[in-house]
Protein backbone atom coordinates (compact mmCIF):
# COMPACT_ATOMS: atom_id res chain seq x y z
CA MET A 1 0.17 0.32 0.12
CA SER A 2 0.71 3.52 -0.37
CA THR A 3 1.16 4.78 2.84
CA PHE A 4 2.03 8.65 4.38
CA GLY A 5 1.78 10.42 7.74
CA LYS A 6 2.70 10.43 11.66
CA MET A 7 -0.43 11.70 13.41
CA ILE A 8 -2.93 10.68 11.18
CA GLU A 9 -1.54 7.59 8.89
CA ILE A 10 -3.59 6.85 5.86
CA SER A 11 -2.87 4.07 3.16
CA LEU A 12 -4.19 3.84 -0.45
CA PHE A 13 -4.71 0.82 -2.28
CA GLY A 14 -6.43 -0.61 -5.22
CA GLU A 15 -5.97 -0.43 -9.14
CA SER A 16 -7.87 1.58 -11.59
CA HIS A 17 -9.33 -1.62 -13.22
CA GLY A 18 -9.33 -3.84 -10.25
CA LYS A 19 -12.78 -4.87 -8.53
CA ALA A 20 -12.28 -1.96 -5.89
CA ILE A 21 -9.82 1.08 -4.26
CA GLY A 22 -9.79 2.70 -0.78
CA ILE A 23 -8.24 4.16 1.86
CA VAL A 24 -7.74 3.63 5.68
CA ILE A 25 -7.02 6.38 8.02
CA SER A 26 -5.55 5.69 11.69
CA ASN A 27 -5.39 7.41 14.36
CA LEU A 28 -8.28 9.42 14.28
CA PRO A 29 -9.76 9.68 17.80
CA GLY A 30 -13.25 8.01 18.18
CA GLY A 31 -16.50 9.97 18.55
CA ILE A 32 -16.21 12.18 15.36
CA LYS A 33 -19.49 12.60 13.78
CA ILE A 34 -19.11 11.98 10.01
CA ASN A 35 -21.31 13.87 7.27
CA PHE A 36 -21.92 11.61 4.78
CA ASP A 37 -23.86 13.88 2.71
CA ARG A 38 -21.02 16.28 2.67
CA ILE A 39 -18.26 12.87 1.75
CA ASN A 40 -20.70 12.31 -1.41
CA PHE A 41 -21.05 16.34 -2.45
CA ASP A 42 -17.36 16.31 -2.44
CA LEU A 43 -16.74 13.08 -4.74
CA GLN A 44 -19.44 14.28 -6.94
CA LYS A 45 -17.64 17.63 -7.99
CA ARG A 46 -14.67 15.33 -8.86
CA ARG A 47 -16.49 13.03 -10.73
CA PRO A 48 -16.76 13.78 -14.97
CA LYS A 49 -18.52 16.35 -16.19
CA SER A 50 -20.30 16.48 -19.38
CA ASN A 51 -18.32 16.78 -22.74
CA ILE A 52 -14.95 18.11 -21.13
CA SER A 53 -14.42 15.04 -19.11
CA THR A 54 -13.95 11.02 -19.76
CA SER A 55 -17.19 9.35 -20.84
CA ARG A 56 -15.84 6.58 -17.52
CA GLN A 57 -18.65 7.27 -15.13
CA GLU A 58 -17.54 5.57 -12.12
CA LYS A 59 -20.70 6.14 -9.24
CA ASP A 60 -18.15 6.24 -6.41
CA LEU A 61 -20.45 4.63 -4.33
CA PHE A 62 -18.32 3.43 -1.15
CA GLN A 63 -18.85 1.29 1.41
CA VAL A 64 -17.58 2.08 5.28
CA VAL A 65 -16.18 -1.26 6.23
CA SER A 66 -14.55 -0.57 9.65
CA GLY A 67 -13.79 2.46 11.94
CA CYS A 68 -17.75 3.87 12.16
CA LEU A 69 -20.72 3.10 14.25
CA ASN A 70 -23.76 4.81 13.78
CA GLY A 71 -21.79 7.77 12.44
CA TYR A 72 -19.73 8.51 14.69
CA THR A 73 -15.52 7.25 14.71
CA THR A 74 -14.97 4.41 16.82
CA GLY A 75 -11.22 4.64 17.21
CA SER A 76 -10.06 2.30 15.22
CA PRO A 77 -8.88 2.33 11.45
CA LEU A 78 -11.24 4.04 9.01
CA THR A 79 -11.39 1.97 6.27
CA PHE A 80 -13.25 3.05 2.96
CA ILE A 81 -13.80 0.69 -0.07
CA ILE A 82 -14.80 1.88 -3.53
CA PRO A 83 -16.04 -0.35 -6.00
CA ASN A 84 -15.05 -0.02 -9.66
CA SER A 85 -17.81 -0.76 -12.48
CA ASP A 86 -17.14 0.88 -15.70
CA THR A 87 -13.90 -0.62 -16.58
CA ARG A 88 -13.27 -1.41 -19.96
CA SER A 89 -9.70 -3.13 -19.73
CA LYS A 90 -9.71 -4.23 -23.61
CA ASP A 91 -8.36 -1.16 -24.43
CA TYR A 92 -5.28 -1.14 -22.84
CA GLN A 93 -2.09 -3.13 -24.19
CA PRO A 94 0.39 -4.59 -21.69
CA ASN A 95 2.85 -4.43 -24.16
CA ILE A 96 2.60 -1.19 -25.53
CA LEU A 97 3.90 1.51 -23.88
CA ARG A 98 1.95 5.08 -23.49
CA PRO A 99 3.97 7.80 -23.63
CA SER A 100 4.42 9.93 -20.76
CA HIS A 101 2.47 7.52 -18.47
CA ALA A 102 3.96 4.73 -15.76
CA ASP A 103 3.66 1.97 -18.19
CA TYR A 104 7.39 1.72 -18.65
CA THR A 105 8.89 2.82 -15.37
CA ALA A 106 6.35 0.46 -13.44
CA LYS A 107 7.50 -2.87 -16.00
CA ILE A 108 11.03 -2.16 -14.69
CA LYS A 109 10.20 -1.62 -10.72
CA TYR A 110 7.63 -4.63 -10.72
CA ASN A 111 9.13 -6.95 -12.89
CA SER A 112 6.73 -6.75 -15.57
CA PHE A 113 3.67 -8.04 -13.57
CA GLU A 114 2.30 -4.82 -12.46
CA ASP A 115 -1.40 -3.99 -13.43
CA TYR A 116 -1.41 -2.57 -16.82
CA ARG A 117 -4.98 -2.01 -16.91
CA GLY A 118 -6.21 2.07 -16.96
CA GLY A 119 -2.42 2.83 -15.46
CA GLY A 120 -3.19 0.41 -12.32
CA HIS A 121 -2.15 1.56 -9.07
CA PHE A 122 -0.69 4.69 -10.81
CA SER A 123 -3.95 6.03 -11.99
CA GLY A 124 -5.91 9.33 -11.40
CA ARG A 125 -8.61 6.97 -10.09
CA ILE A 126 -6.99 6.23 -7.13
CA THR A 127 -7.25 9.72 -5.88
CA THR A 128 -11.11 9.05 -5.48
CA PRO A 129 -10.61 8.01 -1.83
CA LEU A 130 -8.22 11.10 -1.22
CA VAL A 131 -11.15 13.16 -1.67
CA ILE A 132 -12.88 11.48 0.53
CA LEU A 133 -10.05 11.58 3.33
CA GLY A 134 -9.86 15.38 2.39
CA SER A 135 -13.81 16.00 3.24
CA ILE A 136 -13.61 14.46 6.53
CA CYS A 137 -10.59 16.62 7.39
CA SER A 138 -12.16 19.54 5.98
CA GLN A 139 -15.01 18.95 8.62
CA LEU A 140 -12.52 18.79 11.24
CA LEU A 141 -10.34 21.86 9.98
CA GLU A 142 -13.96 24.26 10.12
CA ARG A 143 -14.15 24.05 13.75
CA LYS A 144 -10.58 25.86 13.78
CA GLY A 145 -12.03 28.42 11.58
CA ILE A 146 -9.90 27.36 8.79
CA GLU A 147 -11.22 26.90 4.59
CA ILE A 148 -9.68 26.15 2.34
CA GLY A 149 -10.15 26.83 -1.45
CA SER A 150 -9.13 27.05 -5.02
CA HIS A 151 -9.62 28.04 -8.10
CA VAL A 152 -8.36 27.32 -11.71
CA SER A 153 -5.90 29.87 -12.10
CA SER A 154 -5.31 28.98 -15.98
CA ILE A 155 -6.09 26.42 -18.64
CA LYS A 156 -3.02 26.54 -21.07
CA ASP A 157 -2.30 30.18 -21.56
CA CYS A 158 -5.75 31.98 -20.29
CA ASN A 159 -5.57 32.83 -17.36
CA ASP A 160 -8.45 33.62 -14.43
CA GLU A 161 -7.88 36.34 -11.90
CA VAL A 162 -5.27 35.71 -8.98
CA PHE A 163 -5.90 35.34 -4.96
CA GLY A 164 -4.97 38.83 -3.37
CA ILE A 165 -4.87 40.01 -0.12
CA GLU A 166 -7.62 42.61 -1.72
CA ASN A 167 -10.10 39.90 -2.70
CA ILE A 168 -9.66 36.52 -0.47
CA SER A 169 -12.13 35.53 1.88
CA ASN A 170 -14.13 32.75 4.02
CA ASP A 171 -17.03 33.53 1.58
CA LEU A 172 -15.16 33.78 -1.84
CA LEU A 173 -13.39 30.04 -0.69
CA LYS A 174 -17.04 28.95 0.09
CA ARG A 175 -18.42 30.39 -3.15
CA LEU A 176 -15.57 28.14 -4.86
CA ASN A 177 -16.07 25.33 -3.01
CA LEU A 178 -19.64 24.52 -4.18
CA SER A 179 -18.51 25.08 -7.98
CA ASP A 180 -17.58 21.76 -9.54
CA PHE A 181 -15.31 23.80 -12.05
CA PRO A 182 -14.16 27.07 -9.95
CA VAL A 183 -13.03 30.19 -11.02
CA ILE A 184 -12.82 33.98 -9.71
CA ASN A 185 -13.99 35.46 -12.47
CA ASP A 186 -17.09 33.63 -13.78
CA SER A 187 -16.80 35.28 -17.61
CA ILE A 188 -13.43 32.70 -17.96
CA LEU A 189 -15.00 29.76 -17.76
CA GLU A 190 -16.31 29.90 -21.15
CA SER A 191 -12.93 30.35 -22.73
CA TYR A 192 -11.37 27.43 -20.61
CA LYS A 193 -14.20 24.98 -21.72
CA GLU A 194 -13.46 26.26 -25.43
CA ILE A 195 -9.91 25.58 -25.32
CA ILE A 196 -10.56 22.26 -23.84
CA LEU A 197 -13.31 21.48 -26.38
CA GLN A 198 -10.76 22.26 -29.38
CA ALA A 199 -8.28 20.27 -27.47
CA LYS A 200 -10.80 17.25 -27.67
CA ASP A 201 -11.86 17.53 -31.16
CA ALA A 202 -8.15 17.58 -31.87
CA ASN A 203 -7.56 14.30 -30.42
CA ASP A 204 -5.31 16.20 -27.70
CA SER A 205 -5.12 17.59 -24.46
CA VAL A 206 -4.23 20.84 -22.45
CA GLY A 207 -2.78 21.47 -18.73
CA GLY A 208 -3.29 24.21 -16.51
CA THR A 209 -2.54 25.81 -13.36
CA ILE A 210 -4.44 25.55 -9.93
CA GLU A 211 -4.13 28.04 -7.13
CA THR A 212 -4.93 27.41 -4.11
CA ALA A 213 -5.54 29.85 -0.22
CA ILE A 214 -5.74 28.33 3.13
CA VAL A 215 -6.99 30.94 5.38
CA GLY A 216 -7.85 31.07 9.16
CA ILE A 217 -4.46 29.01 9.87
CA GLU A 218 -2.94 30.57 13.21
CA PRO A 219 0.63 31.48 13.45
CA GLY A 220 3.24 29.39 14.68
CA TYR A 221 2.14 25.63 13.16
CA GLY A 222 5.07 23.57 11.05
CA ASP A 223 8.63 23.45 11.42
CA PRO A 224 12.06 24.47 10.13
CA PHE A 225 14.28 22.73 7.23
CA PHE A 226 12.65 18.88 6.56
CA GLU A 227 9.39 19.90 8.29
CA SER A 228 8.26 22.93 6.90
CA ILE A 229 4.85 24.06 5.63
CA GLU A 230 6.04 23.78 2.14
CA SER A 231 8.01 20.81 2.56
CA LEU A 232 4.62 18.81 3.89
CA LEU A 233 2.77 20.21 1.44
CA SER A 234 4.98 19.80 -1.61
CA HIS A 235 5.71 16.10 -0.62
CA LEU A 236 1.90 15.71 -0.64
CA LEU A 237 0.69 17.55 -3.64
CA PHE A 238 3.35 15.60 -5.95
CA SER A 239 1.74 12.59 -4.57
CA ILE A 240 -1.17 13.60 -7.14
CA PRO A 241 -0.55 11.92 -10.46
CA ALA A 242 -0.52 14.94 -13.63
CA VAL A 243 1.33 17.52 -10.78
CA LYS A 244 4.16 19.22 -12.12
CA GLY A 245 5.33 21.87 -10.32
CA VAL A 246 4.21 23.57 -6.92
CA GLU A 247 5.39 27.20 -6.16
CA PHE A 248 4.18 29.43 -2.98
CA GLY A 249 3.80 33.15 -2.90
CA LYS A 250 5.29 34.83 -5.78
CA GLY A 251 6.89 31.62 -6.53
CA PHE A 252 9.65 31.88 -9.44
CA GLU A 253 8.23 35.12 -9.94
CA ILE A 254 9.80 36.59 -6.85
CA THR A 255 13.38 36.13 -8.69
CA ASN A 256 11.96 39.07 -11.14
CA LEU A 257 11.73 41.45 -8.08
CA TYR A 258 14.41 43.30 -5.69
CA GLY A 259 14.77 42.51 -1.82
CA SER A 260 12.88 45.70 -1.32
CA GLU A 261 9.91 44.49 -3.58
CA ALA A 262 9.57 40.85 -2.42
CA ASN A 263 10.04 41.50 1.28
CA ASP A 264 6.65 41.39 3.05
CA ASN A 265 6.86 44.50 5.68
CA PHE A 266 5.26 44.37 8.90
CA TYR A 267 2.18 46.10 10.54
CA ILE A 268 -0.60 46.06 13.26
CA ASP A 269 -4.19 45.50 12.77
CA ASN A 270 -6.24 45.48 15.87
CA GLY A 271 -3.09 44.47 17.87
CA ILE A 272 -2.68 41.80 15.15
CA ILE A 273 0.99 41.68 13.11
CA LYS A 274 0.22 41.10 9.81
CA THR A 275 2.50 41.72 6.57
CA LYS A 276 1.18 44.59 4.15
CA THR A 277 2.04 41.99 1.05
CA ASN A 278 1.86 38.52 1.03
CA ASN A 279 5.13 37.53 -1.33
CA SER A 280 5.94 34.79 0.73
CA GLY A 281 2.55 32.67 0.83
CA GLY A 282 1.84 32.65 4.60
CA ILE A 283 4.92 31.12 5.12
CA GLN A 284 8.55 31.97 6.78
CA GLY A 285 10.84 30.05 7.77
CA GLY A 286 8.51 26.71 6.96
CA ILE A 287 6.18 28.09 9.56
CA SER A 288 2.89 29.95 9.16
CA ASN A 289 2.78 33.80 9.99
CA GLY A 290 -1.15 33.73 10.23
CA MET A 291 -1.65 35.70 6.59
CA PRO A 292 -3.01 33.13 4.04
CA ILE A 293 -1.04 30.18 2.79
CA LEU A 294 -1.26 30.84 -0.98
CA PHE A 295 0.33 28.37 -3.24
CA LYS A 296 -0.10 27.17 -7.10
CA VAL A 297 0.56 23.99 -8.95
CA ALA A 298 1.15 22.74 -12.23
CA ILE A 299 -1.08 20.24 -13.94
CA LYS A 300 0.36 18.96 -17.14
CA PRO A 301 -1.76 18.13 -20.28
CA THR A 302 -3.35 14.78 -19.87
CA ALA A 303 -1.38 11.93 -21.11
CA SER A 304 -3.86 10.17 -22.62
CA ILE A 305 -4.78 11.56 -26.36
CA GLY A 306 -6.14 10.45 -29.60
CA LYS A 307 -3.32 11.64 -32.05
CA PRO A 308 -0.84 8.69 -33.38
CA GLN A 309 2.71 8.45 -30.86
CA HIS A 310 5.71 6.93 -31.41
CA THR A 311 6.36 4.40 -28.77
CA VAL A 312 8.30 0.97 -27.97
CA ASP A 313 6.67 -2.54 -27.89
CA PHE A 314 8.51 -3.71 -24.45
CA GLU A 315 7.77 -7.70 -25.37
CA SER A 316 9.50 -7.40 -29.23
CA MET A 317 11.90 -4.21 -28.02
CA THR A 318 10.95 -2.59 -31.80
CA GLU A 319 9.53 0.58 -31.89
CA THR A 320 5.97 1.02 -33.05
CA THR A 321 3.49 3.43 -33.29
CA LEU A 322 0.16 4.05 -30.85
CA ASN A 323 -2.92 5.22 -31.90
CA LEU A 324 -4.97 4.92 -28.35
CA VAL A 325 -7.81 4.44 -27.72
CA GLY A 326 -9.84 4.77 -24.66
CA ARG A 327 -12.24 7.45 -22.99
CA HIS A 328 -9.62 9.77 -21.42
CA ASP A 329 -10.25 13.59 -20.24
CA PRO A 330 -9.04 16.33 -22.91
CA SER A 331 -8.14 18.39 -19.47
CA ILE A 332 -7.58 16.64 -15.72
CA VAL A 333 -7.49 20.25 -14.52
CA PRO A 334 -11.50 20.89 -13.20
CA ARG A 335 -11.46 17.33 -11.71
CA VAL A 336 -7.53 17.40 -10.18
CA ILE A 337 -8.68 20.67 -8.42
CA HIS A 338 -10.81 18.67 -6.03
CA VAL A 339 -8.10 16.31 -5.09
CA VAL A 340 -5.90 19.50 -4.60
CA ASN A 341 -8.30 20.46 -1.79
CA ALA A 342 -8.42 17.56 -0.66
CA ILE A 343 -4.82 17.04 0.16
CA THR A 344 -4.06 20.20 1.48
CA ALA A 345 -6.81 19.77 3.73
CA TYR A 346 -4.99 16.33 5.03
CA ALA A 347 -1.71 18.47 5.46
CA VAL A 348 -3.54 20.96 7.21
CA LEU A 349 -4.93 18.55 9.89
CA GLU A 350 -1.48 16.75 10.00
CA LEU A 351 0.37 19.95 10.87
CA ILE A 352 -2.07 20.73 13.53
CA THR A 353 -1.93 17.38 15.03
CA ARG A 354 1.88 17.46 15.01
CA LYS A 355 1.78 20.66 17.07
CA ASP A 356 -1.63 20.38 19.32
CA GLY A 357 -2.33 17.04 19.38
CA PHE A 358 -5.68 15.26 19.28
CA SER A 359 -7.46 17.17 22.18
CA TRP A 360 -9.53 19.80 20.48
CA ILE A 361 -11.08 17.52 18.46
CA LYS A 362 -14.40 16.30 19.73
């Protein structure tokens, strides 16, 4: 299993075309009431929508097989299983390496015994249980007044507005979290969809960026160097298939500034220390400073495309051309944004419990 976590340990299991996928969440205290309607709502946002997504339609009807009784956690490992019901494994050839997938590396690592169907355990399908995890974590973080939200900041070379000190708020993040395809400026949405559909019509795909904000987290969380907020978040964000870059605050853009422009000057607002700008993205020395934590992730174009591609037949060791068939997203960005929110919620809860423990969770 793929496992992570010190305070709240999580383990993912299953394959894209196997019988089921799932997650085990360990160390949650007993007595936490779980809002299953909220989980279903969050899963629904991640599911394919309309003609801009794959036609694979998994219902994501999860089963709770341990750790919950009468709607409350029992303190034992909380285990969710999600059956796979809409697989089409005949679309996949075991020896034809799909460009920019894990087919080749998985064959080497697992001595050609990997589950090649739909990418197996490497598939974005495995992110579904992460949305369940994130939904539970978000429900707990709200008790501390912490809100997490994201918007699609770009599709290919088309850009939405950005988060800023002047426009970011709990209300904005709550509005974004109600949307399947969240954007700050609603007028950009049709342009995004048009770009995605143009790529689909050309048997191609497009990527984009996602900007995320965490508001309400108090100063003092995180540790320097190896346990910094950036280290933990980056580790988890890069665990999401298709994420190819992460930047915090101004990110790479900060290299164009002088120090006098890049530094976040302090001031006092009603007895609270704040910064006039937020170029560091709410983090200094790896520790939260009380300002909104801001970061952006880069999502690559979906690797599965309909155009002919040059590749290799692994069994015969000959070069060949792949004409890929199957059901794939022309852009994974509108779906992966909900996974980014989920893994961020888990990361923040892990940070908080490392410092405060579990006593505040009732």
